[in-house]
């Protein structure tokens, strides 16, 4: 019985000869074609988010805040007495992750808890004066970052972009 021929290259050892891809000539890619990816909302949103988040992290470093911590403080400021459950639902974060963040913010003197007025099992979160001051400065930096991160957009375009993005991430109820 005849033996099958040995494959000519190791990368094609498992591919039957009838299904081997044709040999391609080596080419140099001068410019990467991203045209298909740029038609995808997810790709474009992720690329934009990476630019903004990188700058956001840099701008928040002097305040000792990560993006999610900034978001928590901003929500507590505008919703005094908000519960951890409400924060988790709004920011789509897991309760164990929020617990550590709240404890860290309490140790820094930025947040404090009070008994919830109608649910004795829950506690409301409030900014301390130091937390309010830090957040005020951080929000000024974040507001300027939004302008700096979108230099090719007019104020009206930035407003439209925000409206459209909200339509993407707002869940239908």
C-alpha atoms as a PDB file:
ATOM      1  CA  UNK A   1       0.000   0.000   0.000  1.00  0.00           C
ATOM      2  CA  UNK A   2       1.519   3.386  -0.969  1.00  0.00           C
ATOM      3  CA  UNK A   3       2.380   5.913   1.763  1.00  0.00           C
ATOM      4  CA  UNK A   4       0.909   9.462   1.537  1.00  0.00           C
ATOM      5  CA  UNK A   5       3.375  12.134   0.535  1.00  0.00           C
ATOM      6  CA  UNK A   6       4.875  14.131   3.368  1.00  0.00           C
ATOM      7  CA  UNK A   7       3.614  17.696   3.608  1.00  0.00           C
ATOM      8  CA  UNK A   8       5.925  20.254   2.090  1.00  0.00           C
ATOM      9  CA  UNK A   9       5.650  22.765   4.937  1.00  0.00           C
ATOM     10  CA  UNK A  10       4.816  22.267   8.629  1.00  0.00           C
ATOM     11  CA  UNK A  11       2.012  24.847   8.680  1.00  0.00           C
ATOM     12  CA  UNK A  12       0.097  22.851   6.048  1.00  0.00           C
ATOM     13  CA  UNK A  13       0.785  19.426   7.574  1.00  0.00           C
ATOM     14  CA  UNK A  14      -2.840  19.046   8.699  1.00  0.00           C
ATOM     15  CA  UNK A  15      -4.500  20.455   5.534  1.00  0.00           C
ATOM     16  CA  UNK A  16      -5.227  17.986   2.714  1.00  0.00           C
ATOM     17  CA  UNK A  17      -3.483  19.035  -0.486  1.00  0.00           C
ATOM     18  CA  UNK A  18      -6.773  19.756  -2.266  1.00  0.00           C
ATOM     19  CA  UNK A  19      -7.707  22.379   0.344  1.00  0.00           C
ATOM     20  CA  UNK A  20      -4.399  24.171   0.797  1.00  0.00           C
ATOM     21  CA  UNK A  21      -4.618  27.921   0.298  1.00  0.00           C
ATOM     22  CA  UNK A  22      -2.796  29.199  -2.755  1.00  0.00           C
ATOM     23  CA  UNK A  23       0.642  30.594  -2.156  1.00  0.00           C
ATOM     24  CA  UNK A  24       0.530  34.370  -1.874  1.00  0.00           C
ATOM     25  CA  UNK A  25       3.301  36.707  -2.750  1.00  0.00           C
ATOM     26  CA  UNK A  26       4.648  38.755   0.120  1.00  0.00           C
ATOM     27  CA  UNK A  27       3.330  42.313   0.026  1.00  0.00           C
ATOM     28  CA  UNK A  28       3.965  45.396   2.079  1.00  0.00           C
ATOM     29  CA  UNK A  29       0.932  47.102   3.628  1.00  0.00           C
ATOM     30  CA  UNK A  30       1.484  50.824   3.226  1.00  0.00           C
ATOM     31  CA  UNK A  31      -1.800  51.914   4.825  1.00  0.00           C
ATOM     32  CA  UNK A  32      -4.080  49.727   6.934  1.00  0.00           C
ATOM     33  CA  UNK A  33      -7.617  49.522   5.557  1.00  0.00           C
ATOM     34  CA  UNK A  34     -10.009  49.935   8.513  1.00  0.00           C
ATOM     35  CA  UNK A  35     -12.992  50.892   6.374  1.00  0.00           C
ATOM     36  CA  UNK A  36     -15.143  47.904   7.364  1.00  0.00           C
ATOM     37  CA  UNK A  37     -14.385  48.264  11.085  1.00  0.00           C
ATOM     38  CA  UNK A  38     -15.261  51.952  10.905  1.00  0.00           C
ATOM     39  CA  UNK A  39     -18.785  51.021   9.810  1.00  0.00           C
ATOM     40  CA  UNK A  40     -19.309  49.283  13.177  1.00  0.00           C
ATOM     41  CA  UNK A  41     -20.686  51.333  16.062  1.00  0.00           C
ATOM     42  CA  UNK A  42     -18.882  49.161  18.612  1.00  0.00           C
ATOM     43  CA  UNK A  43     -15.496  49.620  16.975  1.00  0.00           C
ATOM     44  CA  UNK A  44     -15.897  53.373  16.597  1.00  0.00           C
ATOM     45  CA  UNK A  45     -17.292  53.833  20.111  1.00  0.00           C
ATOM     46  CA  UNK A  46     -14.470  51.779  21.600  1.00  0.00           C
ATOM     47  CA  UNK A  47     -11.795  53.733  19.705  1.00  0.00           C
ATOM     48  CA  UNK A  48     -13.304  57.035  20.848  1.00  0.00           C
ATOM     49  CA  UNK A  49     -13.644  55.750  24.416  1.00  0.00           C
ATOM     50  CA  UNK A  50      -9.989  54.717  24.520  1.00  0.00           C
ATOM     51  CA  UNK A  51      -8.900  58.233  23.569  1.00  0.00           C
ATOM     52  CA  UNK A  52     -11.160  59.878  26.140  1.00  0.00           C
ATOM     53  CA  UNK A  53     -10.476  57.399  28.962  1.00  0.00           C
ATOM     54  CA  UNK A  54      -6.712  57.603  28.528  1.00  0.00           C
ATOM     55  CA  UNK A  55      -6.889  61.380  28.923  1.00  0.00           C
ATOM     56  CA  UNK A  56      -9.453  61.103  31.714  1.00  0.00           C
ATOM     57  CA  UNK A  57      -7.205  58.811  33.768  1.00  0.00           C
ATOM     58  CA  UNK A  58      -4.324  61.234  33.314  1.00  0.00           C
ATOM     59  CA  UNK A  59      -6.443  64.240  34.344  1.00  0.00           C
ATOM     60  CA  UNK A  60      -7.967  62.489  37.373  1.00  0.00           C
ATOM     61  CA  UNK A  61      -4.619  61.235  38.724  1.00  0.00           C
ATOM     62  CA  UNK A  62      -3.974  64.445  40.724  1.00  0.00           C
ATOM     63  CA  UNK A  63      -7.337  63.875  42.440  1.00  0.00           C
ATOM     64  CA  UNK A  64      -6.639  60.190  43.093  1.00  0.00           C
ATOM     65  CA  UNK A  65      -9.790  59.186  41.193  1.00  0.00           C
ATOM     66  CA  UNK A  66     -10.375  56.424  38.699  1.00  0.00           C
ATOM     67  CA  UNK A  67     -13.248  56.834  36.206  1.00  0.00           C
ATOM     68  CA  UNK A  68     -15.730  54.755  38.214  1.00  0.00           C
ATOM     69  CA  UNK A  69     -14.852  56.551  41.469  1.00  0.00           C
ATOM     70  CA  UNK A  70     -15.439  59.878  39.753  1.00  0.00           C
ATOM     71  CA  UNK A  71     -18.817  58.598  38.543  1.00  0.00           C
ATOM     72  CA  UNK A  72     -19.798  57.431  42.028  1.00  0.00           C
ATOM     73  CA  UNK A  73     -18.910  60.769  43.603  1.00  0.00           C
ATOM     74  CA  UNK A  74     -20.758  62.681  40.871  1.00  0.00           C
ATOM     75  CA  UNK A  75     -23.894  60.574  41.400  1.00  0.00           C
ATOM     76  CA  UNK A  76     -23.741  60.898  45.182  1.00  0.00           C
ATOM     77  CA  UNK A  77     -23.332  64.654  44.836  1.00  0.00           C
ATOM     78  CA  UNK A  78     -26.426  64.984  42.624  1.00  0.00           C
ATOM     79  CA  UNK A  79     -28.403  62.347  44.521  1.00  0.00           C
ATOM     80  CA  UNK A  80     -27.683  62.761  48.243  1.00  0.00           C
ATOM     81  CA  UNK A  81     -28.809  59.649  50.099  1.00  0.00           C
ATOM     82  CA  UNK A  82     -28.466  57.355  47.068  1.00  0.00           C
ATOM     83  CA  UNK A  83     -28.050  53.721  48.078  1.00  0.00           C
ATOM     84  CA  UNK A  84     -25.380  51.306  46.995  1.00  0.00           C
ATOM     85  CA  UNK A  85     -28.008  49.269  45.186  1.00  0.00           C
ATOM     86  CA  UNK A  86     -29.049  52.322  43.163  1.00  0.00           C
ATOM     87  CA  UNK A  87     -25.418  53.118  42.325  1.00  0.00           C
ATOM     88  CA  UNK A  88     -24.756  49.549  41.167  1.00  0.00           C
ATOM     89  CA  UNK A  89     -27.844  49.559  38.962  1.00  0.00           C
ATOM     90  CA  UNK A  90     -27.075  52.964  37.463  1.00  0.00           C
ATOM     91  CA  UNK A  91     -23.393  52.300  36.755  1.00  0.00           C
ATOM     92  CA  UNK A  92     -23.803  48.590  35.998  1.00  0.00           C
ATOM     93  CA  UNK A  93     -21.189  47.532  38.533  1.00  0.00           C
ATOM     94  CA  UNK A  94     -21.128  44.572  40.889  1.00  0.00           C
ATOM     95  CA  UNK A  95     -21.923  45.184  44.575  1.00  0.00           C
ATOM     96  CA  UNK A  96     -18.611  43.725  45.862  1.00  0.00           C
ATOM     97  CA  UNK A  97     -16.702  46.177  43.661  1.00  0.00           C
ATOM     98  CA  UNK A  98     -18.718  49.101  44.991  1.00  0.00           C
ATOM     99  CA  UNK A  99     -18.274  48.074  48.638  1.00  0.00           C
ATOM    100  CA  UNK A 100     -14.492  48.387  48.420  1.00  0.00           C
ATOM    101  CA  UNK A 101     -14.730  51.658  46.553  1.00  0.00           C
ATOM    102  CA  UNK A 102     -17.102  53.156  49.126  1.00  0.00           C
ATOM    103  CA  UNK A 103     -14.859  52.036  52.007  1.00  0.00           C
ATOM    104  CA  UNK A 104     -11.845  53.581  50.284  1.00  0.00           C
ATOM    105  CA  UNK A 105     -13.748  56.841  49.722  1.00  0.00           C
ATOM    106  CA  UNK A 106     -14.853  56.861  53.377  1.00  0.00           C
ATOM    107  CA  UNK A 107     -11.242  56.408  54.531  1.00  0.00           C
ATOM    108  CA  UNK A 108     -10.237  59.318  52.301  1.00  0.00           C
ATOM    109  CA  UNK A 109     -12.935  61.419  53.956  1.00  0.00           C
ATOM    110  CA  UNK A 110     -14.908  61.914  50.726  1.00  0.00           C
ATOM    111  CA  UNK A 111     -18.109  60.011  51.589  1.00  0.00           C
ATOM    112  CA  UNK A 112     -20.106  59.111  54.658  1.00  0.00           C
ATOM    113  CA  UNK A 113     -23.142  56.917  55.259  1.00  0.00           C
ATOM    114  CA  UNK A 114     -26.370  57.632  57.077  1.00  0.00           C
ATOM    115  CA  UNK A 115     -29.285  55.405  57.901  1.00  0.00           C
ATOM    116  CA  UNK A 116     -31.816  55.316  55.090  1.00  0.00           C
ATOM    117  CA  UNK A 117     -35.069  57.075  56.101  1.00  0.00           C
ATOM    118  CA  UNK A 118     -37.414  54.303  54.946  1.00  0.00           C
ATOM    119  CA  UNK A 119     -35.294  51.123  54.675  1.00  0.00           C
ATOM    120  CA  UNK A 120     -33.462  50.205  57.870  1.00  0.00           C
ATOM    121  CA  UNK A 121     -31.353  47.658  55.976  1.00  0.00           C
ATOM    122  CA  UNK A 122     -29.981  50.302  53.590  1.00  0.00           C
ATOM    123  CA  UNK A 123     -27.697  53.261  54.078  1.00  0.00           C
ATOM    124  CA  UNK A 124     -27.661  56.457  52.111  1.00  0.00           C
ATOM    125  CA  UNK A 125     -24.401  57.886  50.797  1.00  0.00           C
ATOM    126  CA  UNK A 126     -23.450  61.535  51.097  1.00  0.00           C
ATOM    127  CA  UNK A 127     -20.423  63.601  50.136  1.00  0.00           C
ATOM    128  CA  UNK A 128     -18.410  65.181  52.900  1.00  0.00           C
ATOM    129  CA  UNK A 129     -17.340  68.816  52.464  1.00  0.00           C
ATOM    130  CA  UNK A 130     -13.886  67.535  51.432  1.00  0.00           C
ATOM    131  CA  UNK A 131     -15.531  65.194  48.916  1.00  0.00           C
ATOM    132  CA  UNK A 132     -17.629  68.025  47.488  1.00  0.00           C
ATOM    133  CA  UNK A 133     -14.550  70.230  47.104  1.00  0.00           C
ATOM    134  CA  UNK A 134     -12.506  67.482  45.444  1.00  0.00           C
ATOM    135  CA  UNK A 135     -15.379  66.617  43.119  1.00  0.00           C
ATOM    136  CA  UNK A 136     -15.863  70.257  42.151  1.00  0.00           C
ATOM    137  CA  UNK A 137     -12.239  70.496  41.041  1.00  0.00           C
ATOM    138  CA  UNK A 138     -12.363  67.099  39.305  1.00  0.00           C
ATOM    139  CA  UNK A 139     -15.546  68.052  37.439  1.00  0.00           C
ATOM    140  CA  UNK A 140     -13.903  71.252  36.157  1.00  0.00           C
ATOM    141  CA  UNK A 141     -11.031  69.152  34.848  1.00  0.00           C
ATOM    142  CA  UNK A 142     -13.417  66.603  33.293  1.00  0.00           C
ATOM    143  CA  UNK A 143     -15.440  69.346  31.606  1.00  0.00           C
ATOM    144  CA  UNK A 144     -12.295  70.813  30.041  1.00  0.00           C
ATOM    145  CA  UNK A 145     -11.173  67.332  29.019  1.00  0.00           C
ATOM    146  CA  UNK A 146     -14.399  66.846  27.050  1.00  0.00           C
ATOM    147  CA  UNK A 147     -13.565  69.895  24.956  1.00  0.00           C
ATOM    148  CA  UNK A 148      -9.884  68.955  24.636  1.00  0.00           C
ATOM    149  CA  UNK A 149     -10.672  65.343  23.658  1.00  0.00           C
ATOM    150  CA  UNK A 150     -13.053  66.379  20.882  1.00  0.00           C
ATOM    151  CA  UNK A 151     -11.261  69.227  19.117  1.00  0.00           C
ATOM    152  CA  UNK A 152     -12.776  68.335  15.747  1.00  0.00           C
ATOM    153  CA  UNK A 153     -16.337  68.740  17.035  1.00  0.00           C
ATOM    154  CA  UNK A 154     -18.259  71.944  17.463  1.00  0.00           C
ATOM    155  CA  UNK A 155     -20.259  72.451  20.654  1.00  0.00           C
ATOM    156  CA  UNK A 156     -23.437  71.520  18.740  1.00  0.00           C
ATOM    157  CA  UNK A 157     -21.812  68.362  17.330  1.00  0.00           C
ATOM    158  CA  UNK A 158     -20.594  67.360  20.806  1.00  0.00           C
ATOM    159  CA  UNK A 159     -24.147  67.780  22.118  1.00  0.00           C
ATOM    160  CA  UNK A 160     -25.508  65.668  19.241  1.00  0.00           C
ATOM    161  CA  UNK A 161     -22.891  62.979  19.844  1.00  0.00           C
ATOM    162  CA  UNK A 162     -23.859  62.764  23.518  1.00  0.00           C
ATOM    163  CA  UNK A 163     -27.545  62.527  22.618  1.00  0.00           C
ATOM    164  CA  UNK A 164     -26.863  59.728  20.122  1.00  0.00           C
ATOM    165  CA  UNK A 165     -24.626  57.806  22.526  1.00  0.00           C
ATOM    166  CA  UNK A 166     -27.334  57.958  25.202  1.00  0.00           C
ATOM    167  CA  UNK A 167     -29.724  56.407  22.684  1.00  0.00           C
ATOM    168  CA  UNK A 168     -27.284  53.506  22.285  1.00  0.00           C
ATOM    169  CA  UNK A 169     -26.739  52.746  25.968  1.00  0.00           C
ATOM    170  CA  UNK A 170     -30.164  53.619  27.385  1.00  0.00           C
ATOM    171  CA  UNK A 171     -32.073  50.425  27.877  1.00  0.00           C
ATOM    172  CA  UNK A 172     -35.604  50.181  26.641  1.00  0.00           C
ATOM    173  CA  UNK A 173     -37.933  49.606  29.537  1.00  0.00           C
END
